[in-house]
Amino acid sequence: MPTDPVGRFLTALDPERRKAVEDRPREEQERLAAAWERELEADTELDSLDELSPPAAEAEAARRVLGDEPG
């Protein structure tokens, strides 16, 4: 299991989105991973989900971060 933020973020993504993010520049991956971590920390609904299923909470936060992207 990855311990760096980018690796953890990539692990939380479904395979298709993971590949798309892996193809982006490292700086963009780091920006998305930072936004993902902020989403996990700030959302109280995810806190509750995290208690039941940490992978599900991480996947939901990843979906939200990529859903907020323009275009």
PDB file of N, CA and C in Angstrom:
ATOM      1  N   MET A   1       0.844  -1.178   0.000  1.00  0.00           N
ATOM      2  CA  MET A   1       0.000   0.000   0.000  1.00  0.00           C
ATOM      3  C   MET A   1       0.894   1.247   0.000  1.00  0.00           C
ATOM      4  N   PRO A   2       0.648   2.169  -0.935  1.00  0.00           N
ATOM      5  CA  PRO A   2       1.452   3.392  -0.999  1.00  0.00           C
ATOM      6  C   PRO A   2       1.239   4.274   0.229  1.00  0.00           C
ATOM      7  N   THR A   3       2.291   4.978   0.595  1.00  0.00           N
ATOM      8  CA  THR A   3       2.188   5.878   1.738  1.00  0.00           C
ATOM      9  C   THR A   3       2.275   7.348   1.329  1.00  0.00           C
ATOM     10  N   ASP A   4       2.770   7.631   0.127  1.00  0.00           N
ATOM     11  CA  ASP A   4       2.829   9.026  -0.307  1.00  0.00           C
ATOM     12  C   ASP A   4       1.440   9.461  -0.781  1.00  0.00           C
ATOM     13  N   PRO A   5       1.120  10.757  -0.697  1.00  0.00           N
ATOM     14  CA  PRO A   5      -0.222  11.230  -1.054  1.00  0.00           C
ATOM     15  C   PRO A   5      -0.627  10.890  -2.489  1.00  0.00           C
ATOM     16  N   VAL A   6       0.278  11.031  -3.433  1.00  0.00           N
ATOM     17  CA  VAL A   6      -0.073  10.738  -4.828  1.00  0.00           C
ATOM     18  C   VAL A   6      -0.387   9.252  -4.983  1.00  0.00           C
ATOM     19  N   GLY A   7       0.426   8.405  -4.411  1.00  0.00           N
ATOM     20  CA  GLY A   7       0.188   6.967  -4.495  1.00  0.00           C
ATOM     21  C   GLY A   7      -1.125   6.563  -3.858  1.00  0.00           C
ATOM     22  N   ARG A   8      -1.426   7.145  -2.706  1.00  0.00           N
ATOM     23  CA  ARG A   8      -2.697   6.843  -2.030  1.00  0.00           C
ATOM     24  C   ARG A   8      -3.876   7.331  -2.863  1.00  0.00           C
ATOM     25  N   PHE A   9      -3.742   8.525  -3.454  1.00  0.00           N
ATOM     26  CA  PHE A   9      -4.804   9.069  -4.302  1.00  0.00           C
ATOM     27  C   PHE A   9      -5.032   8.162  -5.505  1.00  0.00           C
ATOM     28  N   LEU A  10      -3.946   7.753  -6.161  1.00  0.00           N
ATOM     29  CA  LEU A  10      -4.079   6.884  -7.328  1.00  0.00           C
ATOM     30  C   LEU A  10      -4.746   5.563  -6.958  1.00  0.00           C
ATOM     31  N   THR A  11      -4.421   5.035  -5.791  1.00  0.00           N
ATOM     32  CA  THR A  11      -5.016   3.786  -5.335  1.00  0.00           C
ATOM     33  C   THR A  11      -6.522   3.931  -5.117  1.00  0.00           C
ATOM     34  N   ALA A  12      -6.965   5.114  -4.724  1.00  0.00           N
ATOM     35  CA  ALA A  12      -8.382   5.348  -4.457  1.00  0.00           C
ATOM     36  C   ALA A  12      -9.218   5.461  -5.733  1.00  0.00           C
ATOM     37  N   LEU A  13      -8.559   5.656  -6.867  1.00  0.00           N
ATOM     38  CA  LEU A  13      -9.273   5.835  -8.134  1.00  0.00           C
ATOM     39  C   LEU A  13      -9.626   4.502  -8.774  1.00  0.00           C
ATOM     40  N   ASP A  14     -10.695   4.522  -9.597  1.00  0.00           N
ATOM     41  CA  ASP A  14     -10.993   3.335 -10.385  1.00  0.00           C
ATOM     42  C   ASP A  14      -9.922   3.231 -11.478  1.00  0.00           C
ATOM     43  N   PRO A  15      -9.701   2.049 -12.048  1.00  0.00           N
ATOM     44  CA  PRO A  15      -8.579   1.848 -12.985  1.00  0.00           C
ATOM     45  C   PRO A  15      -8.544   2.818 -14.166  1.00  0.00           C
ATOM     46  N   GLU A  16      -9.701   3.137 -14.738  1.00  0.00           N
ATOM     47  CA  GLU A  16      -9.733   4.037 -15.892  1.00  0.00           C
ATOM     48  C   GLU A  16      -9.267   5.453 -15.511  1.00  0.00           C
ATOM     49  N   ARG A  17      -9.791   5.956 -14.422  1.00  0.00           N
ATOM     50  CA  ARG A  17      -9.388   7.294 -13.975  1.00  0.00           C
ATOM     51  C   ARG A  17      -7.942   7.297 -13.492  1.00  0.00           C
ATOM     52  N   ARG A  18      -7.517   6.205 -12.867  1.00  0.00           N
ATOM     53  CA  ARG A  18      -6.126   6.100 -12.407  1.00  0.00           C
ATOM     54  C   ARG A  18      -5.171   6.280 -13.582  1.00  0.00           C
ATOM     55  N   LYS A  19      -5.454   5.598 -14.684  1.00  0.00           N
ATOM     56  CA  LYS A  19      -4.591   5.689 -15.865  1.00  0.00           C
ATOM     57  C   LYS A  19      -4.563   7.125 -16.396  1.00  0.00           C
ATOM     58  N   ALA A  20      -5.728   7.762 -16.430  1.00  0.00           N
ATOM     59  CA  ALA A  20      -5.801   9.141 -16.926  1.00  0.00           C
ATOM     60  C   ALA A  20      -4.980  10.087 -16.049  1.00  0.00           C
ATOM     61  N   VAL A  21      -5.030   9.896 -14.738  1.00  0.00           N
ATOM     62  CA  VAL A  21      -4.270  10.759 -13.835  1.00  0.00           C
ATOM     63  C   VAL A  21      -2.776  10.429 -13.917  1.00  0.00           C
ATOM     64  N   GLU A  22      -2.444   9.164 -14.051  1.00  0.00           N
ATOM     65  CA  GLU A  22      -1.024   8.780 -14.170  1.00  0.00           C
ATOM     66  C   GLU A  22      -0.377   9.398 -15.406  1.00  0.00           C
ATOM     67  N   ASP A  23      -1.175   9.647 -16.443  1.00  0.00           N
ATOM     68  CA  ASP A  23      -0.655  10.234 -17.678  1.00  0.00           C
ATOM     69  C   ASP A  23      -0.416  11.739 -17.559  1.00  0.00           C
ATOM     70  N   ARG A  24      -0.863  12.340 -16.488  1.00  0.00           N
ATOM     71  CA  ARG A  24      -0.689  13.783 -16.285  1.00  0.00           C
ATOM     72  C   ARG A  24       0.691  14.064 -15.685  1.00  0.00           C
ATOM     73  N   PRO A  25       1.150  15.310 -15.797  1.00  0.00           N
ATOM     74  CA  PRO A  25       2.431  15.679 -15.175  1.00  0.00           C
ATOM     75  C   PRO A  25       2.396  15.476 -13.664  1.00  0.00           C
ATOM     76  N   ARG A  26       3.544  15.209 -13.097  1.00  0.00           N
ATOM     77  CA  ARG A  26       3.648  14.949 -11.654  1.00  0.00           C
ATOM     78  C   ARG A  26       3.075  16.099 -10.826  1.00  0.00           C
ATOM     79  N   GLU A  27       3.315  17.339 -11.258  1.00  0.00           N
ATOM     80  CA  GLU A  27       2.808  18.494 -10.520  1.00  0.00           C
ATOM     81  C   GLU A  27       1.284  18.470 -10.446  1.00  0.00           C
ATOM     82  N   GLU A  28       0.649  18.076 -11.537  1.00  0.00           N
ATOM     83  CA  GLU A  28      -0.809  17.984 -11.566  1.00  0.00           C
ATOM     84  C   GLU A  28      -1.283  16.858 -10.648  1.00  0.00           C
ATOM     85  N   GLN A  29      -0.595  15.750 -10.647  1.00  0.00           N
ATOM     86  CA  GLN A  29      -0.930  14.644  -9.753  1.00  0.00           C
ATOM     87  C   GLN A  29      -0.832  15.087  -8.294  1.00  0.00           C
ATOM     88  N   GLU A  30       0.208  15.842  -7.981  1.00  0.00           N
ATOM     89  CA  GLU A  30       0.387  16.336  -6.614  1.00  0.00           C
ATOM     90  C   GLU A  30      -0.711  17.315  -6.227  1.00  0.00           C
ATOM     91  N   ARG A  31      -1.119  18.165  -7.165  1.00  0.00           N
ATOM     92  CA  ARG A  31      -2.209  19.117  -6.901  1.00  0.00           C
ATOM     93  C   ARG A  31      -3.505  18.364  -6.609  1.00  0.00           C
ATOM     94  N   LEU A  32      -3.798  17.361  -7.410  1.00  0.00           N
ATOM     95  CA  LEU A  32      -5.013  16.572  -7.209  1.00  0.00           C
ATOM     96  C   LEU A  32      -4.962  15.798  -5.893  1.00  0.00           C
ATOM     97  N   ALA A  33      -3.804  15.243  -5.569  1.00  0.00           N
ATOM     98  CA  ALA A  33      -3.651  14.500  -4.312  1.00  0.00           C
ATOM     99  C   ALA A  33      -3.846  15.429  -3.116  1.00  0.00           C
ATOM    100  N   ALA A  34      -3.338  16.646  -3.202  1.00  0.00           N
ATOM    101  CA  ALA A  34      -3.514  17.606  -2.111  1.00  0.00           C
ATOM    102  C   ALA A  34      -4.991  17.974  -1.962  1.00  0.00           C
ATOM    103  N   ALA A  35      -5.688  18.171  -3.077  1.00  0.00           N
ATOM    104  CA  ALA A  35      -7.116  18.478  -3.028  1.00  0.00           C
ATOM    105  C   ALA A  35      -7.887  17.294  -2.445  1.00  0.00           C
ATOM    106  N   TRP A  36      -7.472  16.091  -2.791  1.00  0.00           N
ATOM    107  CA  TRP A  36      -8.097  14.872  -2.267  1.00  0.00           C
ATOM    108  C   TRP A  36      -7.930  14.790  -0.752  1.00  0.00           C
ATOM    109  N   GLU A  37      -6.716  15.072  -0.272  1.00  0.00           N
ATOM    110  CA  GLU A  37      -6.484  15.042   1.174  1.00  0.00           C
ATOM    111  C   GLU A  37      -7.320  16.097   1.893  1.00  0.00           C
ATOM    112  N   ARG A  38      -7.443  17.289   1.299  1.00  0.00           N
ATOM    113  CA  ARG A  38      -8.280  18.339   1.907  1.00  0.00           C
ATOM    114  C   ARG A  38      -9.742  17.890   1.958  1.00  0.00           C
ATOM    115  N   GLU A  39     -10.193  17.241   0.904  1.00  0.00           N
ATOM    116  CA  GLU A  39     -11.568  16.741   0.859  1.00  0.00           C
ATOM    117  C   GLU A  39     -11.801  15.710   1.967  1.00  0.00           C
ATOM    118  N   LEU A  40     -10.861  14.821   2.149  1.00  0.00           N
ATOM    119  CA  LEU A  40     -10.980  13.806   3.203  1.00  0.00           C
ATOM    120  C   LEU A  40     -11.015  14.440   4.591  1.00  0.00           C
ATOM    121  N   GLU A  41     -10.208  15.460   4.794  1.00  0.00           N
ATOM    122  CA  GLU A  41     -10.126  16.103   6.109  1.00  0.00           C
ATOM    123  C   GLU A  41     -11.339  16.978   6.413  1.00  0.00           C
ATOM    124  N   ALA A  42     -11.897  17.611   5.391  1.00  0.00           N
ATOM    125  CA  ALA A  42     -12.912  18.640   5.615  1.00  0.00           C
ATOM    126  C   ALA A  42     -14.345  18.116   5.629  1.00  0.00           C
ATOM    127  N   ASP A  43     -14.623  17.029   4.974  1.00  0.00           N
ATOM    128  CA  ASP A  43     -16.006  16.586   4.810  1.00  0.00           C
ATOM    129  C   ASP A  43     -16.426  15.657   5.943  1.00  0.00           C
ATOM    130  N   THR A  44     -17.397  16.081   6.725  1.00  0.00           N
ATOM    131  CA  THR A  44     -17.840  15.270   7.867  1.00  0.00           C
ATOM    132  C   THR A  44     -18.583  14.013   7.424  1.00  0.00           C
ATOM    133  N   GLU A  45     -19.248  14.049   6.267  1.00  0.00           N
ATOM    134  CA  GLU A  45     -19.899  12.839   5.765  1.00  0.00           C
ATOM    135  C   GLU A  45     -18.856  11.769   5.462  1.00  0.00           C
ATOM    136  N   LEU A  46     -17.721  12.176   4.924  1.00  0.00           N
ATOM    137  CA  LEU A  46     -16.663  11.220   4.643  1.00  0.00           C
ATOM    138  C   LEU A  46     -16.068  10.670   5.930  1.00  0.00           C
ATOM    139  N   ASP A  47     -16.048  11.490   6.977  1.00  0.00           N
ATOM    140  CA  ASP A  47     -15.577  11.004   8.277  1.00  0.00           C
ATOM    141  C   ASP A  47     -16.422   9.826   8.749  1.00  0.00           C
ATOM    142  N   SER A  48     -17.726   9.944   8.595  1.00  0.00           N
ATOM    143  CA  SER A  48     -18.621   8.858   9.000  1.00  0.00           C
ATOM    144  C   SER A  48     -18.413   7.633   8.121  1.00  0.00           C
ATOM    145  N   LEU A  49     -18.289   7.843   6.831  1.00  0.00           N
ATOM    146  CA  LEU A  49     -18.045   6.731   5.908  1.00  0.00           C
ATOM    147  C   LEU A  49     -16.703   6.081   6.192  1.00  0.00           C
ATOM    148  N   ASP A  50     -15.723   6.902   6.540  1.00  0.00           N
ATOM    149  CA  ASP A  50     -14.387   6.388   6.839  1.00  0.00           C
ATOM    150  C   ASP A  50     -14.415   5.410   8.011  1.00  0.00           C
ATOM    151  N   GLU A  51     -15.286   5.653   8.956  1.00  0.00           N
ATOM    152  CA  GLU A  51     -15.404   4.739  10.103  1.00  0.00           C
ATOM    153  C   GLU A  51     -15.914   3.375   9.666  1.00  0.00           C
ATOM    154  N   LEU A  52     -16.762   3.356   8.641  1.00  0.00           N
ATOM    155  CA  LEU A  52     -17.316   2.097   8.142  1.00  0.00           C
ATOM    156  C   LEU A  52     -16.409   1.446   7.108  1.00  0.00           C
ATOM    157  N   SER A  53     -15.855   2.261   6.220  1.00  0.00           N
ATOM    158  CA  SER A  53     -15.025   1.732   5.145  1.00  0.00           C
ATOM    159  C   SER A  53     -14.043   2.797   4.664  1.00  0.00           C
ATOM    160  N   PRO A  54     -12.832   2.784   5.186  1.00  0.00           N
ATOM    161  CA  PRO A  54     -11.848   3.776   4.741  1.00  0.00           C
ATOM    162  C   PRO A  54     -11.635   3.787   3.223  1.00  0.00           C
ATOM    163  N   PRO A  55     -11.541   2.636   2.544  1.00  0.00           N
ATOM    164  CA  PRO A  55     -11.370   2.688   1.087  1.00  0.00           C
ATOM    165  C   PRO A  55     -12.547   3.352   0.376  1.00  0.00           C
ATOM    166  N   ALA A  56     -13.764   3.141   0.862  1.00  0.00           N
ATOM    167  CA  ALA A  56     -14.926   3.768   0.238  1.00  0.00           C
ATOM    168  C   ALA A  56     -14.889   5.283   0.409  1.00  0.00           C
ATOM    169  N   ALA A  57     -14.486   5.745   1.576  1.00  0.00           N
ATOM    170  CA  ALA A  57     -14.380   7.185   1.809  1.00  0.00           C
ATOM    171  C   ALA A  57     -13.314   7.790   0.907  1.00  0.00           C
ATOM    172  N   GLU A  58     -12.186   7.116   0.774  1.00  0.00           N
ATOM    173  CA  GLU A  58     -11.116   7.623  -0.087  1.00  0.00           C
ATOM    174  C   GLU A  58     -11.551   7.647  -1.542  1.00  0.00           C
ATOM    175  N   ALA A  59     -12.263   6.617  -1.993  1.00  0.00           N
ATOM    176  CA  ALA A  59     -12.742   6.570  -3.371  1.00  0.00           C
ATOM    177  C   ALA A  59     -13.756   7.679  -3.631  1.00  0.00           C
ATOM    178  N   GLU A  60     -14.664   7.921  -2.680  1.00  0.00           N
ATOM    179  CA  GLU A  60     -15.651   8.985  -2.842  1.00  0.00           C
ATOM    180  C   GLU A  60     -14.973  10.347  -2.907  1.00  0.00           C
ATOM    181  N   ALA A  61     -13.993  10.585  -2.062  1.00  0.00           N
ATOM    182  CA  ALA A  61     -13.260  11.860  -2.102  1.00  0.00           C
ATOM    183  C   ALA A  61     -12.544  12.027  -3.433  1.00  0.00           C
ATOM    184  N   ALA A  62     -11.972  10.955  -3.961  1.00  0.00           N
ATOM    185  CA  ALA A  62     -11.290  11.015  -5.260  1.00  0.00           C
ATOM    186  C   ALA A  62     -12.279  11.352  -6.362  1.00  0.00           C
ATOM    187  N   ARG A  63     -13.457  10.736  -6.349  1.00  0.00           N
ATOM    188  CA  ARG A  63     -14.481  11.038  -7.349  1.00  0.00           C
ATOM    189  C   ARG A  63     -14.874  12.513  -7.280  1.00  0.00           C
ATOM    190  N   ARG A  64     -15.014  13.011  -6.056  1.00  0.00           N
ATOM    191  CA  ARG A  64     -15.391  14.420  -5.887  1.00  0.00           C
ATOM    192  C   ARG A  64     -14.324  15.360  -6.438  1.00  0.00           C
ATOM    193  N   VAL A  65     -13.073  15.062  -6.150  1.00  0.00           N
ATOM    194  CA  VAL A  65     -11.979  15.919  -6.621  1.00  0.00           C
ATOM    195  C   VAL A  65     -11.943  15.944  -8.148  1.00  0.00           C
ATOM    196  N   LEU A  66     -12.031  14.789  -8.771  1.00  0.00           N
ATOM    197  CA  LEU A  66     -11.991  14.758 -10.235  1.00  0.00           C
ATOM    198  C   LEU A  66     -13.275  15.313 -10.833  1.00  0.00           C
ATOM    199  N   GLY A  67     -14.372  15.232 -10.126  1.00  0.00           N
ATOM    200  CA  GLY A  67     -15.633  15.802 -10.601  1.00  0.00           C
ATOM    201  C   GLY A  67     -15.637  17.308 -10.573  1.00  0.00           C
ATOM    202  N   ASP A  68     -14.777  17.909  -9.723  1.00  0.00           N
ATOM    203  CA  ASP A  68     -14.683  19.368  -9.613  1.00  0.00           C
ATOM    204  C   ASP A  68     -13.793  19.982 -10.684  1.00  0.00           C
ATOM    205  N   GLU A  69     -13.139  19.137 -11.468  1.00  0.00           N
ATOM    206  CA  GLU A  69     -12.220  19.663 -12.481  1.00  0.00           C
ATOM    207  C   GLU A  69     -12.980  20.302 -13.632  1.00  0.00           C
ATOM    208  N   PRO A  70     -12.453  21.404 -14.161  1.00  0.00           N
ATOM    209  CA  PRO A  70     -13.075  22.019 -15.336  1.00  0.00           C
ATOM    210  C   PRO A  70     -12.872  21.144 -16.557  1.00  0.00           C
ATOM    211  N   GLY A  71     -13.870  21.176 -17.438  1.00  0.00           N
ATOM    212  CA  GLY A  71     -13.772  20.488 -18.723  1.00  0.00           C
ATOM    213  C   GLY A  71     -13.799  19.035 -18.564  1.00  0.00           C
TER     214      GLY A  71
END
